[in-house]
């Protein structure tokens, strides 16, 4: 992003340095299928200050895509990927000083089975073995997304619970955080939060397992039991919607130290792009909205909000290095 500086004898274009941000949940394979090219998504993400994104799996096919995609994109960065490379101010300064081209955000990735794919568990064993085989890769950061989704149908609830239990068990065995998807309804209904109760019941069988509540659409009350266990809470573009007052109240009341942002691209584009195909660069709007929200209601400095969200995202990326195998956090 550029602005015109007319303070000198000649008008010149000067880059605006934006606060860095990490998109903690993206499906770039689906973004590409929706018609946005890979290079466009990468370029626009870099222009928006996205230093990294986490490419999320929904099944075995997407997990394999993620591994290959991360290999290719990170090779363009000279394989400088973990979190210490994402956000390296010295690298950014050197790149600006030399005019070096931006190779695009670092790519991290996950492997797991989405709850809506749990109607068929025939690939679950192979998928979980893929997680085992990938655990030591520097760019592999978590297991998921997994979870419980009772919105469209409850026909396969037991399959979803079995899949979630096995994801939690493997997360504990391997010392991996979990990307957790929970959905009961299109909008929040305090009388309809069964996935939250069921997920906590299963989680209690695996003490010490941690992770992130992705695309969070409940209140701070439902999140608190997870936050107390060391979990993060990630907000998508829904946070920016005018009718999302309940979700916004949660983002105000939860501790800043547990908050992250995401796109869930290609879904749920934030304002001012609502209704369009979402992409990683749009995470900037959710971050800016969260910073304004916390400034107005919590009295927090917007820059502090942004830097803390970035630090939280890096802590999530590095979490597997801090977890003990077989013991959780």
C-alpha atoms as a PDB file:
ATOM      1  CA  UNK A   1       0.000   0.000   0.000  1.00  0.00           C
ATOM      2  CA  UNK A   2       1.329   3.438  -0.947  1.00  0.00           C
ATOM      3  CA  UNK A   3       0.625   7.086  -0.142  1.00  0.00           C
ATOM      4  CA  UNK A   4       1.819  10.249  -1.860  1.00  0.00           C
ATOM      5  CA  UNK A   5       4.387  12.241   0.169  1.00  0.00           C
ATOM      6  CA  UNK A   6       4.406  15.871  -0.980  1.00  0.00           C
ATOM      7  CA  UNK A   7       6.521  17.266   1.882  1.00  0.00           C
ATOM      8  CA  UNK A   8       9.644  17.534  -0.273  1.00  0.00           C
ATOM      9  CA  UNK A   9      10.341  19.256  -3.560  1.00  0.00           C
ATOM     10  CA  UNK A  10       8.847  16.332  -5.480  1.00  0.00           C
ATOM     11  CA  UNK A  11       5.863  14.111  -4.817  1.00  0.00           C
ATOM     12  CA  UNK A  12       6.966  10.519  -4.209  1.00  0.00           C
ATOM     13  CA  UNK A  13       5.189   7.283  -3.472  1.00  0.00           C
ATOM     14  CA  UNK A  14       6.022   5.965  -0.005  1.00  0.00           C
ATOM     15  CA  UNK A  15       5.047   2.495   1.272  1.00  0.00           C
ATOM     16  CA  UNK A  16       2.703   2.355   4.258  1.00  0.00           C
ATOM     17  CA  UNK A  17       4.047  -0.238   6.680  1.00  0.00           C
ATOM     18  CA  UNK A  18       1.070  -2.148   8.071  1.00  0.00           C
ATOM     19  CA  UNK A  19       1.064  -4.096  11.293  1.00  0.00           C
ATOM     20  CA  UNK A  20       1.873  -7.708  10.405  1.00  0.00           C
ATOM     21  CA  UNK A  21      -0.864 -10.300  10.785  1.00  0.00           C
ATOM     22  CA  UNK A  22      -1.211 -14.081  10.471  1.00  0.00           C
ATOM     23  CA  UNK A  23      -4.308 -15.690   8.975  1.00  0.00           C
ATOM     24  CA  UNK A  24      -4.688 -18.639  11.340  1.00  0.00           C
ATOM     25  CA  UNK A  25      -7.268 -20.536   9.272  1.00  0.00           C
ATOM     26  CA  UNK A  26      -7.481 -20.629   5.479  1.00  0.00           C
ATOM     27  CA  UNK A  27      -8.455 -23.106   2.740  1.00  0.00           C
ATOM     28  CA  UNK A  28      -6.443 -21.840  -0.238  1.00  0.00           C
ATOM     29  CA  UNK A  29      -7.364 -24.925  -2.263  1.00  0.00           C
ATOM     30  CA  UNK A  30     -11.011 -23.862  -2.061  1.00  0.00           C
ATOM     31  CA  UNK A  31     -10.089 -20.217  -2.725  1.00  0.00           C
ATOM     32  CA  UNK A  32      -8.468 -21.327  -5.987  1.00  0.00           C
ATOM     33  CA  UNK A  33     -11.505 -23.457  -6.848  1.00  0.00           C
ATOM     34  CA  UNK A  34     -13.677 -20.377  -6.280  1.00  0.00           C
ATOM     35  CA  UNK A  35     -11.799 -18.507  -9.019  1.00  0.00           C
ATOM     36  CA  UNK A  36      -9.038 -16.536  -7.285  1.00  0.00           C
ATOM     37  CA  UNK A  37      -5.645 -17.562  -8.593  1.00  0.00           C
ATOM     38  CA  UNK A  38      -2.916 -18.681  -6.239  1.00  0.00           C
ATOM     39  CA  UNK A  39      -0.631 -15.846  -7.298  1.00  0.00           C
ATOM     40  CA  UNK A  40      -3.359 -13.250  -6.789  1.00  0.00           C
ATOM     41  CA  UNK A  41      -4.122 -14.559  -3.308  1.00  0.00           C
ATOM     42  CA  UNK A  42      -0.437 -14.641  -2.375  1.00  0.00           C
ATOM     43  CA  UNK A  43       0.271 -11.179  -3.789  1.00  0.00           C
ATOM     44  CA  UNK A  44      -2.742  -9.533  -2.158  1.00  0.00           C
ATOM     45  CA  UNK A  45      -2.003 -11.225   1.153  1.00  0.00           C
ATOM     46  CA  UNK A  46       1.530  -9.874   1.107  1.00  0.00           C
ATOM     47  CA  UNK A  47       0.267  -6.391   0.228  1.00  0.00           C
ATOM     48  CA  UNK A  48      -2.109  -6.560   3.212  1.00  0.00           C
ATOM     49  CA  UNK A  49       0.719  -7.347   5.614  1.00  0.00           C
ATOM     50  CA  UNK A  50      -0.048 -11.052   5.976  1.00  0.00           C
ATOM     51  CA  UNK A  51       3.233 -12.638   7.017  1.00  0.00           C
ATOM     52  CA  UNK A  52       1.927 -16.186   7.214  1.00  0.00           C
ATOM     53  CA  UNK A  53      -1.195 -18.238   6.963  1.00  0.00           C
ATOM     54  CA  UNK A  54      -2.182 -21.648   8.246  1.00  0.00           C
ATOM     55  CA  UNK A  55      -3.562 -23.873   5.509  1.00  0.00           C
ATOM     56  CA  UNK A  56      -6.262 -26.072   7.093  1.00  0.00           C
ATOM     57  CA  UNK A  57      -7.213 -29.590   6.079  1.00  0.00           C
ATOM     58  CA  UNK A  58     -10.714 -31.052   6.006  1.00  0.00           C
ATOM     59  CA  UNK A  59      -9.726 -34.586   4.992  1.00  0.00           C
ATOM     60  CA  UNK A  60      -6.945 -36.727   3.538  1.00  0.00           C
ATOM     61  CA  UNK A  61      -7.028 -35.143   0.077  1.00  0.00           C
ATOM     62  CA  UNK A  62      -6.703 -31.609   1.398  1.00  0.00           C
ATOM     63  CA  UNK A  63      -4.035 -32.678   3.902  1.00  0.00           C
ATOM     64  CA  UNK A  64      -1.900 -33.971   1.042  1.00  0.00           C
ATOM     65  CA  UNK A  65      -2.569 -30.776  -0.905  1.00  0.00           C
ATOM     66  CA  UNK A  66      -1.474 -28.743   2.115  1.00  0.00           C
ATOM     67  CA  UNK A  67       1.838 -30.573   2.410  1.00  0.00           C
ATOM     68  CA  UNK A  68       2.632 -30.079  -1.270  1.00  0.00           C
ATOM     69  CA  UNK A  69       1.455 -26.462  -1.292  1.00  0.00           C
ATOM     70  CA  UNK A  70       3.554 -25.586   1.742  1.00  0.00           C
ATOM     71  CA  UNK A  71       6.595 -27.261   0.180  1.00  0.00           C
ATOM     72  CA  UNK A  72       6.240 -25.196  -2.961  1.00  0.00           C
ATOM     73  CA  UNK A  73       5.422 -21.840  -1.389  1.00  0.00           C
ATOM     74  CA  UNK A  74       8.027 -22.071   1.355  1.00  0.00           C
ATOM     75  CA  UNK A  75      10.690 -23.105  -1.148  1.00  0.00           C
ATOM     76  CA  UNK A  76      10.164 -19.678  -2.719  1.00  0.00           C
ATOM     77  CA  UNK A  77      11.074 -18.216   0.671  1.00  0.00           C
ATOM     78  CA  UNK A  78      14.273 -20.243   0.875  1.00  0.00           C
ATOM     79  CA  UNK A  79      12.412 -22.480   3.344  1.00  0.00           C
ATOM     80  CA  UNK A  80      12.521 -19.753   5.984  1.00  0.00           C
ATOM     81  CA  UNK A  81       9.349 -20.724   7.675  1.00  0.00           C
ATOM     82  CA  UNK A  82       8.918 -21.236  11.216  1.00  0.00           C
ATOM     83  CA  UNK A  83       7.467 -18.406  13.257  1.00  0.00           C
ATOM     84  CA  UNK A  84      10.848 -16.854  13.940  1.00  0.00           C
ATOM     85  CA  UNK A  85      11.127 -16.243  10.165  1.00  0.00           C
ATOM     86  CA  UNK A  86       7.539 -15.003   9.879  1.00  0.00           C
ATOM     87  CA  UNK A  87       7.728 -11.587  11.465  1.00  0.00           C
ATOM     88  CA  UNK A  88      11.488 -11.172  11.237  1.00  0.00           C
ATOM     89  CA  UNK A  89      11.786  -7.372  11.193  1.00  0.00           C
ATOM     90  CA  UNK A  90      15.402  -7.543  10.028  1.00  0.00           C
ATOM     91  CA  UNK A  91      14.325  -9.496   6.961  1.00  0.00           C
ATOM     92  CA  UNK A  92      11.519  -7.039   6.260  1.00  0.00           C
ATOM     93  CA  UNK A  93      13.811  -4.044   6.646  1.00  0.00           C
ATOM     94  CA  UNK A  94      16.456  -5.577   4.396  1.00  0.00           C
ATOM     95  CA  UNK A  95      13.836  -6.399   1.779  1.00  0.00           C
ATOM     96  CA  UNK A  96      12.540  -2.829   1.803  1.00  0.00           C
ATOM     97  CA  UNK A  97      16.066  -1.393   1.658  1.00  0.00           C
ATOM     98  CA  UNK A  98      17.182  -3.531  -1.264  1.00  0.00           C
ATOM     99  CA  UNK A  99      13.892  -3.517  -3.131  1.00  0.00           C
ATOM    100  CA  UNK A 100      13.850  -7.305  -3.056  1.00  0.00           C
ATOM    101  CA  UNK A 101      10.631  -8.877  -4.247  1.00  0.00           C
ATOM    102  CA  UNK A 102       8.301 -10.265  -1.606  1.00  0.00           C
ATOM    103  CA  UNK A 103       8.105 -14.075  -1.940  1.00  0.00           C
ATOM    104  CA  UNK A 104       4.765 -14.050  -0.169  1.00  0.00           C
ATOM    105  CA  UNK A 105       3.603 -15.200   3.241  1.00  0.00           C
ATOM    106  CA  UNK A 106       5.025 -18.262   4.945  1.00  0.00           C
ATOM    107  CA  UNK A 107       2.669 -21.233   4.832  1.00  0.00           C
ATOM    108  CA  UNK A 108       1.962 -23.537   7.754  1.00  0.00           C
ATOM    109  CA  UNK A 109      -0.505 -26.375   7.580  1.00  0.00           C
ATOM    110  CA  UNK A 110      -2.579 -28.962   9.376  1.00  0.00           C
ATOM    111  CA  UNK A 111      -4.112 -32.377   8.737  1.00  0.00           C
ATOM    112  CA  UNK A 112      -7.436 -33.598  10.054  1.00  0.00           C
ATOM    113  CA  UNK A 113     -11.019 -34.576   9.241  1.00  0.00           C
ATOM    114  CA  UNK A 114     -13.791 -31.988   9.230  1.00  0.00           C
ATOM    115  CA  UNK A 115     -16.851 -33.137  11.195  1.00  0.00           C
ATOM    116  CA  UNK A 116     -19.062 -32.872   8.115  1.00  0.00           C
ATOM    117  CA  UNK A 117     -16.770 -35.411   6.436  1.00  0.00           C
ATOM    118  CA  UNK A 118     -17.269 -37.884   9.294  1.00  0.00           C
ATOM    119  CA  UNK A 119     -20.210 -39.581   7.595  1.00  0.00           C
ATOM    120  CA  UNK A 120     -17.504 -41.825   6.103  1.00  0.00           C
ATOM    121  CA  UNK A 121     -14.635 -42.762   8.421  1.00  0.00           C
ATOM    122  CA  UNK A 122     -12.980 -45.169   5.993  1.00  0.00           C
ATOM    123  CA  UNK A 123      -9.983 -42.812   5.499  1.00  0.00           C
ATOM    124  CA  UNK A 124      -9.591 -41.832   9.157  1.00  0.00           C
ATOM    125  CA  UNK A 125      -6.858 -44.358   9.962  1.00  0.00           C
ATOM    126  CA  UNK A 126      -4.816 -43.327   6.917  1.00  0.00           C
ATOM    127  CA  UNK A 127      -5.331 -39.656   7.711  1.00  0.00           C
ATOM    128  CA  UNK A 128      -4.171 -40.006  11.309  1.00  0.00           C
ATOM    129  CA  UNK A 129      -1.121 -41.921  10.111  1.00  0.00           C
ATOM    130  CA  UNK A 130      -0.419 -38.986   7.789  1.00  0.00           C
ATOM    131  CA  UNK A 131      -0.480 -36.755  10.874  1.00  0.00           C
ATOM    132  CA  UNK A 132       2.063 -39.036  12.568  1.00  0.00           C
ATOM    133  CA  UNK A 133       4.299 -38.975   9.516  1.00  0.00           C
ATOM    134  CA  UNK A 134       4.116 -35.166   9.285  1.00  0.00           C
ATOM    135  CA  UNK A 135       4.555 -34.270  12.941  1.00  0.00           C
ATOM    136  CA  UNK A 136       8.258 -33.337  12.742  1.00  0.00           C
ATOM    137  CA  UNK A 137       7.951 -31.082   9.707  1.00  0.00           C
ATOM    138  CA  UNK A 138       8.710 -27.487  10.685  1.00  0.00           C
ATOM    139  CA  UNK A 139       5.719 -26.199   8.725  1.00  0.00           C
ATOM    140  CA  UNK A 140       3.227 -28.683  10.198  1.00  0.00           C
ATOM    141  CA  UNK A 141       1.589 -27.059  13.223  1.00  0.00           C
ATOM    142  CA  UNK A 142      -1.623 -28.786  14.332  1.00  0.00           C
ATOM    143  CA  UNK A 143      -4.196 -31.535  13.931  1.00  0.00           C
ATOM    144  CA  UNK A 144      -7.527 -30.521  12.426  1.00  0.00           C
ATOM    145  CA  UNK A 145      -9.792 -29.198  11.589  1.00  0.00           C
ATOM    146  CA  UNK A 146     -11.934 -31.602  13.547  1.00  0.00           C
ATOM    147  CA  UNK A 147     -14.948 -31.058  15.736  1.00  0.00           C
ATOM    148  CA  UNK A 148     -18.707 -31.334  15.936  1.00  0.00           C
ATOM    149  CA  UNK A 149     -21.267 -29.831  13.550  1.00  0.00           C
ATOM    150  CA  UNK A 150     -24.967 -30.404  14.227  1.00  0.00           C
ATOM    151  CA  UNK A 151     -26.243 -27.670  11.910  1.00  0.00           C
ATOM    152  CA  UNK A 152     -27.126 -29.487   8.698  1.00  0.00           C
ATOM    153  CA  UNK A 153     -27.774 -32.946  10.120  1.00  0.00           C
ATOM    154  CA  UNK A 154     -27.441 -34.963  13.301  1.00  0.00           C
ATOM    155  CA  UNK A 155     -27.476 -38.254  11.440  1.00  0.00           C
ATOM    156  CA  UNK A 156     -23.750 -38.874  11.939  1.00  0.00           C
ATOM    157  CA  UNK A 157     -23.253 -37.426  15.421  1.00  0.00           C
ATOM    158  CA  UNK A 158     -21.729 -40.621  16.799  1.00  0.00           C
ATOM    159  CA  UNK A 159     -19.258 -40.756  13.916  1.00  0.00           C
ATOM    160  CA  UNK A 160     -18.313 -37.142  14.591  1.00  0.00           C
ATOM    161  CA  UNK A 161     -17.779 -37.865  18.281  1.00  0.00           C
ATOM    162  CA  UNK A 162     -15.646 -40.910  17.480  1.00  0.00           C
ATOM    163  CA  UNK A 163     -13.541 -38.912  15.029  1.00  0.00           C
ATOM    164  CA  UNK A 164     -13.092 -36.064  17.512  1.00  0.00           C
ATOM    165  CA  UNK A 165     -12.103 -38.456  20.277  1.00  0.00           C
ATOM    166  CA  UNK A 166      -9.446 -40.031  18.050  1.00  0.00           C
ATOM    167  CA  UNK A 167      -8.116 -36.604  17.013  1.00  0.00           C
ATOM    168  CA  UNK A 168      -7.848 -35.570  20.670  1.00  0.00           C
ATOM    169  CA  UNK A 169      -6.149 -38.847  21.566  1.00  0.00           C
ATOM    170  CA  UNK A 170      -3.567 -38.449  18.814  1.00  0.00           C
ATOM    171  CA  UNK A 171      -3.048 -34.791  19.684  1.00  0.00           C
ATOM    172  CA  UNK A 172      -2.167 -35.813  23.220  1.00  0.00           C
ATOM    173  CA  UNK A 173       0.056 -38.676  22.098  1.00  0.00           C
ATOM    174  CA  UNK A 174       2.030 -36.536  19.647  1.00  0.00           C
ATOM    175  CA  UNK A 175       1.965 -33.231  21.527  1.00  0.00           C
ATOM    176  CA  UNK A 176      -0.029 -31.310  18.925  1.00  0.00           C
ATOM    177  CA  UNK A 177      -2.600 -28.532  19.296  1.00  0.00           C
ATOM    178  CA  UNK A 178      -6.068 -29.030  17.810  1.00  0.00           C
ATOM    179  CA  UNK A 179      -8.054 -26.842  15.411  1.00  0.00           C
ATOM    180  CA  UNK A 180     -11.630 -27.259  16.663  1.00  0.00           C
ATOM    181  CA  UNK A 181     -14.813 -26.575  14.689  1.00  0.00           C
ATOM    182  CA  UNK A 182     -18.072 -26.286  16.642  1.00  0.00           C
ATOM    183  CA  UNK A 183     -21.456 -25.344  15.160  1.00  0.00           C
ATOM    184  CA  UNK A 184     -25.018 -25.830  16.316  1.00  0.00           C
ATOM    185  CA  UNK A 185     -27.000 -23.241  14.385  1.00  0.00           C
ATOM    186  CA  UNK A 186     -26.712 -20.381  11.929  1.00  0.00           C
ATOM    187  CA  UNK A 187     -26.859 -17.831  14.750  1.00  0.00           C
ATOM    188  CA  UNK A 188     -26.112 -18.092  18.447  1.00  0.00           C
ATOM    189  CA  UNK A 189     -28.889 -19.592  20.580  1.00  0.00           C
ATOM    190  CA  UNK A 190     -28.051 -20.155  24.270  1.00  0.00           C
ATOM    191  CA  UNK A 191     -30.526 -23.021  24.312  1.00  0.00           C
ATOM    192  CA  UNK A 192     -28.720 -24.754  21.437  1.00  0.00           C
ATOM    193  CA  UNK A 193     -25.053 -25.228  22.325  1.00  0.00           C
ATOM    194  CA  UNK A 194     -24.884 -29.015  22.444  1.00  0.00           C
ATOM    195  CA  UNK A 195     -21.641 -29.213  20.443  1.00  0.00           C
ATOM    196  CA  UNK A 196     -19.892 -27.183  23.166  1.00  0.00           C
ATOM    197  CA  UNK A 197     -21.064 -29.547  25.904  1.00  0.00           C
ATOM    198  CA  UNK A 198     -20.224 -32.650  23.866  1.00  0.00           C
ATOM    199  CA  UNK A 199     -16.767 -31.363  22.885  1.00  0.00           C
ATOM    200  CA  UNK A 200     -15.898 -30.571  26.506  1.00  0.00           C
ATOM    201  CA  UNK A 201     -17.051 -34.008  27.593  1.00  0.00           C
ATOM    202  CA  UNK A 202     -14.753 -35.631  25.037  1.00  0.00           C
ATOM    203  CA  UNK A 203     -11.909 -33.216  25.807  1.00  0.00           C
ATOM    204  CA  UNK A 204     -12.069 -34.155  29.493  1.00  0.00           C
ATOM    205  CA  UNK A 205     -11.031 -37.691  28.512  1.00  0.00           C
ATOM    206  CA  UNK A 206      -7.757 -36.204  27.245  1.00  0.00           C
ATOM    207  CA  UNK A 207      -6.557 -33.744  29.896  1.00  0.00           C
ATOM    208  CA  UNK A 208      -3.907 -31.308  28.767  1.00  0.00           C
ATOM    209  CA  UNK A 209      -4.944 -31.181  25.112  1.00  0.00           C
ATOM    210  CA  UNK A 210      -4.996 -27.592  23.859  1.00  0.00           C
ATOM    211  CA  UNK A 211      -5.807 -25.816  20.629  1.00  0.00           C
ATOM    212  CA  UNK A 212      -7.978 -23.131  19.086  1.00  0.00           C
ATOM    213  CA  UNK A 213     -11.710 -22.602  18.803  1.00  0.00           C
ATOM    214  CA  UNK A 214     -11.783 -21.586  15.162  1.00  0.00           C
ATOM    215  CA  UNK A 215     -14.354 -19.243  13.578  1.00  0.00           C
ATOM    216  CA  UNK A 216     -15.805 -18.699  17.021  1.00  0.00           C
ATOM    217  CA  UNK A 217     -19.502 -17.751  17.031  1.00  0.00           C
ATOM    218  CA  UNK A 218     -20.561 -18.344  20.641  1.00  0.00           C
ATOM    219  CA  UNK A 219     -20.245 -16.070  23.673  1.00  0.00           C
ATOM    220  CA  UNK A 220     -17.418 -15.675  26.145  1.00  0.00           C
ATOM    221  CA  UNK A 221     -19.322 -17.976  28.511  1.00  0.00           C
ATOM    222  CA  UNK A 222     -18.987 -20.997  26.219  1.00  0.00           C
ATOM    223  CA  UNK A 223     -15.336 -20.157  25.480  1.00  0.00           C
ATOM    224  CA  UNK A 224     -14.278 -19.774  29.082  1.00  0.00           C
ATOM    225  CA  UNK A 225     -14.008 -23.492  29.865  1.00  0.00           C
ATOM    226  CA  UNK A 226     -11.614 -23.847  26.918  1.00  0.00           C
ATOM    227  CA  UNK A 227      -9.662 -20.682  27.729  1.00  0.00           C
ATOM    228  CA  UNK A 228      -9.218 -21.937  31.286  1.00  0.00           C
ATOM    229  CA  UNK A 229      -7.590 -25.033  29.759  1.00  0.00           C
ATOM    230  CA  UNK A 230      -5.136 -22.908  27.751  1.00  0.00           C
ATOM    231  CA  UNK A 231      -7.002 -22.685  24.442  1.00  0.00           C
ATOM    232  CA  UNK A 232      -7.023 -19.828  21.937  1.00  0.00           C
ATOM    233  CA  UNK A 233     -10.158 -18.301  20.401  1.00  0.00           C
ATOM    234  CA  UNK A 234     -10.073 -17.216  16.760  1.00  0.00           C
ATOM    235  CA  UNK A 235     -12.521 -14.795  15.150  1.00  0.00           C
ATOM    236  CA  UNK A 236     -13.382 -14.756  11.454  1.00  0.00           C
ATOM    237  CA  UNK A 237     -14.916 -12.034   9.305  1.00  0.00           C
ATOM    238  CA  UNK A 238     -18.266 -12.662  10.996  1.00  0.00           C
ATOM    239  CA  UNK A 239     -16.937 -10.453  13.786  1.00  0.00           C
ATOM    240  CA  UNK A 240     -17.256  -7.431  11.482  1.00  0.00           C
ATOM    241  CA  UNK A 241     -20.909  -8.034  10.556  1.00  0.00           C
ATOM    242  CA  UNK A 242     -23.378  -5.448  11.845  1.00  0.00           C
ATOM    243  CA  UNK A 243     -25.674  -8.131  13.299  1.00  0.00           C
ATOM    244  CA  UNK A 244     -22.857  -9.922  15.162  1.00  0.00           C
ATOM    245  CA  UNK A 245     -23.333  -8.104  18.472  1.00  0.00           C
ATOM    246  CA  UNK A 246     -23.230 -11.275  20.589  1.00  0.00           C
ATOM    247  CA  UNK A 247     -19.975 -12.383  18.987  1.00  0.00           C
ATOM    248  CA  UNK A 248     -18.517  -8.900  19.385  1.00  0.00           C
ATOM    249  CA  UNK A 249     -19.343  -8.935  23.101  1.00  0.00           C
ATOM    250  CA  UNK A 250     -17.320 -12.133  23.438  1.00  0.00           C
ATOM    251  CA  UNK A 251     -14.370 -10.547  21.638  1.00  0.00           C
ATOM    252  CA  UNK A 252     -14.549  -7.652  24.094  1.00  0.00           C
ATOM    253  CA  UNK A 253     -14.852  -9.735  27.268  1.00  0.00           C
ATOM    254  CA  UNK A 254     -12.370 -12.535  26.589  1.00  0.00           C
ATOM    255  CA  UNK A 255      -8.705 -11.976  27.549  1.00  0.00           C
ATOM    256  CA  UNK A 256      -6.712 -10.366  24.762  1.00  0.00           C
ATOM    257  CA  UNK A 257      -3.972 -12.959  25.343  1.00  0.00           C
ATOM    258  CA  UNK A 258      -6.156 -15.737  23.925  1.00  0.00           C
ATOM    259  CA  UNK A 259      -7.422 -14.000  20.771  1.00  0.00           C
ATOM    260  CA  UNK A 260      -6.462 -14.662  17.158  1.00  0.00           C
ATOM    261  CA  UNK A 261      -7.973 -13.789  13.773  1.00  0.00           C
ATOM    262  CA  UNK A 262      -8.622 -15.804  10.627  1.00  0.00           C
ATOM    263  CA  UNK A 263     -10.425 -15.714   7.309  1.00  0.00           C
ATOM    264  CA  UNK A 264     -11.767 -19.268   6.947  1.00  0.00           C
ATOM    265  CA  UNK A 265     -11.372 -18.361   3.268  1.00  0.00           C
ATOM    266  CA  UNK A 266     -13.067 -18.724   0.860  1.00  0.00           C
ATOM    267  CA  UNK A 267     -15.989 -18.347   3.265  1.00  0.00           C
ATOM    268  CA  UNK A 268     -17.219 -15.481   5.465  1.00  0.00           C
ATOM    269  CA  UNK A 269     -15.481 -12.479   3.920  1.00  0.00           C
ATOM    270  CA  UNK A 270     -15.407  -9.550   6.364  1.00  0.00           C
ATOM    271  CA  UNK A 271     -16.792  -6.105   5.723  1.00  0.00           C
ATOM    272  CA  UNK A 272     -16.261  -4.343   3.357  1.00  0.00           C
ATOM    273  CA  UNK A 273     -16.026  -7.505   1.225  1.00  0.00           C
ATOM    274  CA  UNK A 274     -18.990  -9.412   2.664  1.00  0.00           C
ATOM    275  CA  UNK A 275     -20.567 -11.634   0.020  1.00  0.00           C
ATOM    276  CA  UNK A 276     -17.367 -11.920  -2.014  1.00  0.00           C
ATOM    277  CA  UNK A 277     -14.955 -14.840  -2.141  1.00  0.00           C
ATOM    278  CA  UNK A 278     -12.774 -14.533   0.933  1.00  0.00           C
ATOM    279  CA  UNK A 279      -8.969 -14.714   0.729  1.00  0.00           C
ATOM    280  CA  UNK A 280      -6.077 -14.474   3.205  1.00  0.00           C
ATOM    281  CA  UNK A 281      -5.450 -10.769   2.631  1.00  0.00           C
ATOM    282  CA  UNK A 282      -8.903  -9.925   3.956  1.00  0.00           C
ATOM    283  CA  UNK A 283      -7.853 -10.977   7.464  1.00  0.00           C
ATOM    284  CA  UNK A 284      -6.514  -7.435   7.750  1.00  0.00           C
ATOM    285  CA  UNK A 285     -10.097  -6.103   8.039  1.00  0.00           C
ATOM    286  CA  UNK A 286     -10.961  -8.453  10.889  1.00  0.00           C
ATOM    287  CA  UNK A 287      -7.804  -7.496  12.760  1.00  0.00           C
ATOM    288  CA  UNK A 288      -8.483  -3.779  12.330  1.00  0.00           C
ATOM    289  CA  UNK A 289     -12.083  -4.224  13.475  1.00  0.00           C
ATOM    290  CA  UNK A 290     -10.986  -6.172  16.559  1.00  0.00           C
ATOM    291  CA  UNK A 291      -8.435  -3.483  17.409  1.00  0.00           C
ATOM    292  CA  UNK A 292     -11.069  -0.730  17.167  1.00  0.00           C
ATOM    293  CA  UNK A 293     -13.544  -2.806  19.165  1.00  0.00           C
ATOM    294  CA  UNK A 294     -11.093  -3.405  22.001  1.00  0.00           C
ATOM    295  CA  UNK A 295      -9.950   0.227  21.937  1.00  0.00           C
ATOM    296  CA  UNK A 296     -13.496   1.511  22.263  1.00  0.00           C
ATOM    297  CA  UNK A 297     -14.737  -0.929  24.893  1.00  0.00           C
ATOM    298  CA  UNK A 298     -11.578  -2.010  26.755  1.00  0.00           C
ATOM    299  CA  UNK A 299      -9.490   1.139  26.477  1.00  0.00           C
ATOM    300  CA  UNK A 300      -6.653  -0.823  24.848  1.00  0.00           C
ATOM    301  CA  UNK A 301      -4.213   0.758  22.440  1.00  0.00           C
ATOM    302  CA  UNK A 302      -5.010  -0.511  18.907  1.00  0.00           C
ATOM    303  CA  UNK A 303      -1.353  -1.175  18.144  1.00  0.00           C
ATOM    304  CA  UNK A 304      -1.075  -3.218  21.330  1.00  0.00           C
ATOM    305  CA  UNK A 305      -4.106  -5.264  20.296  1.00  0.00           C
ATOM    306  CA  UNK A 306      -2.568  -5.969  16.892  1.00  0.00           C
ATOM    307  CA  UNK A 307       0.853  -6.883  18.267  1.00  0.00           C
ATOM    308  CA  UNK A 308      -0.686  -9.132  20.914  1.00  0.00           C
ATOM    309  CA  UNK A 309      -2.852 -10.952  18.353  1.00  0.00           C
ATOM    310  CA  UNK A 310       0.269 -11.491  16.244  1.00  0.00           C
ATOM    311  CA  UNK A 311       2.176 -12.804  19.269  1.00  0.00           C
ATOM    312  CA  UNK A 312      -0.730 -15.124  20.100  1.00  0.00           C
ATOM    313  CA  UNK A 313      -0.715 -16.474  16.555  1.00  0.00           C
ATOM    314  CA  UNK A 314       3.012 -17.157  16.733  1.00  0.00           C
ATOM    315  CA  UNK A 315       2.558 -18.905  20.085  1.00  0.00           C
ATOM    316  CA  UNK A 316      -0.040 -21.147  18.466  1.00  0.00           C
ATOM    317  CA  UNK A 317       2.303 -21.932  15.570  1.00  0.00           C
ATOM    318  CA  UNK A 318       5.092 -22.810  18.013  1.00  0.00           C
ATOM    319  CA  UNK A 319       2.849 -24.663  20.441  1.00  0.00           C
ATOM    320  CA  UNK A 320       3.789 -28.167  19.360  1.00  0.00           C
ATOM    321  CA  UNK A 321       7.387 -27.457  20.382  1.00  0.00           C
ATOM    322  CA  UNK A 322       6.206 -26.749  23.928  1.00  0.00           C
ATOM    323  CA  UNK A 323       3.813 -29.671  24.353  1.00  0.00           C
ATOM    324  CA  UNK A 324       4.995 -32.927  25.848  1.00  0.00           C
ATOM    325  CA  UNK A 325       4.175 -36.028  23.910  1.00  0.00           C
ATOM    326  CA  UNK A 326       1.575 -38.099  25.693  1.00  0.00           C
ATOM    327  CA  UNK A 327       1.039 -35.460  28.351  1.00  0.00           C
ATOM    328  CA  UNK A 328      -0.612 -32.433  26.750  1.00  0.00           C
ATOM    329  CA  UNK A 329       0.293 -28.973  27.990  1.00  0.00           C
END
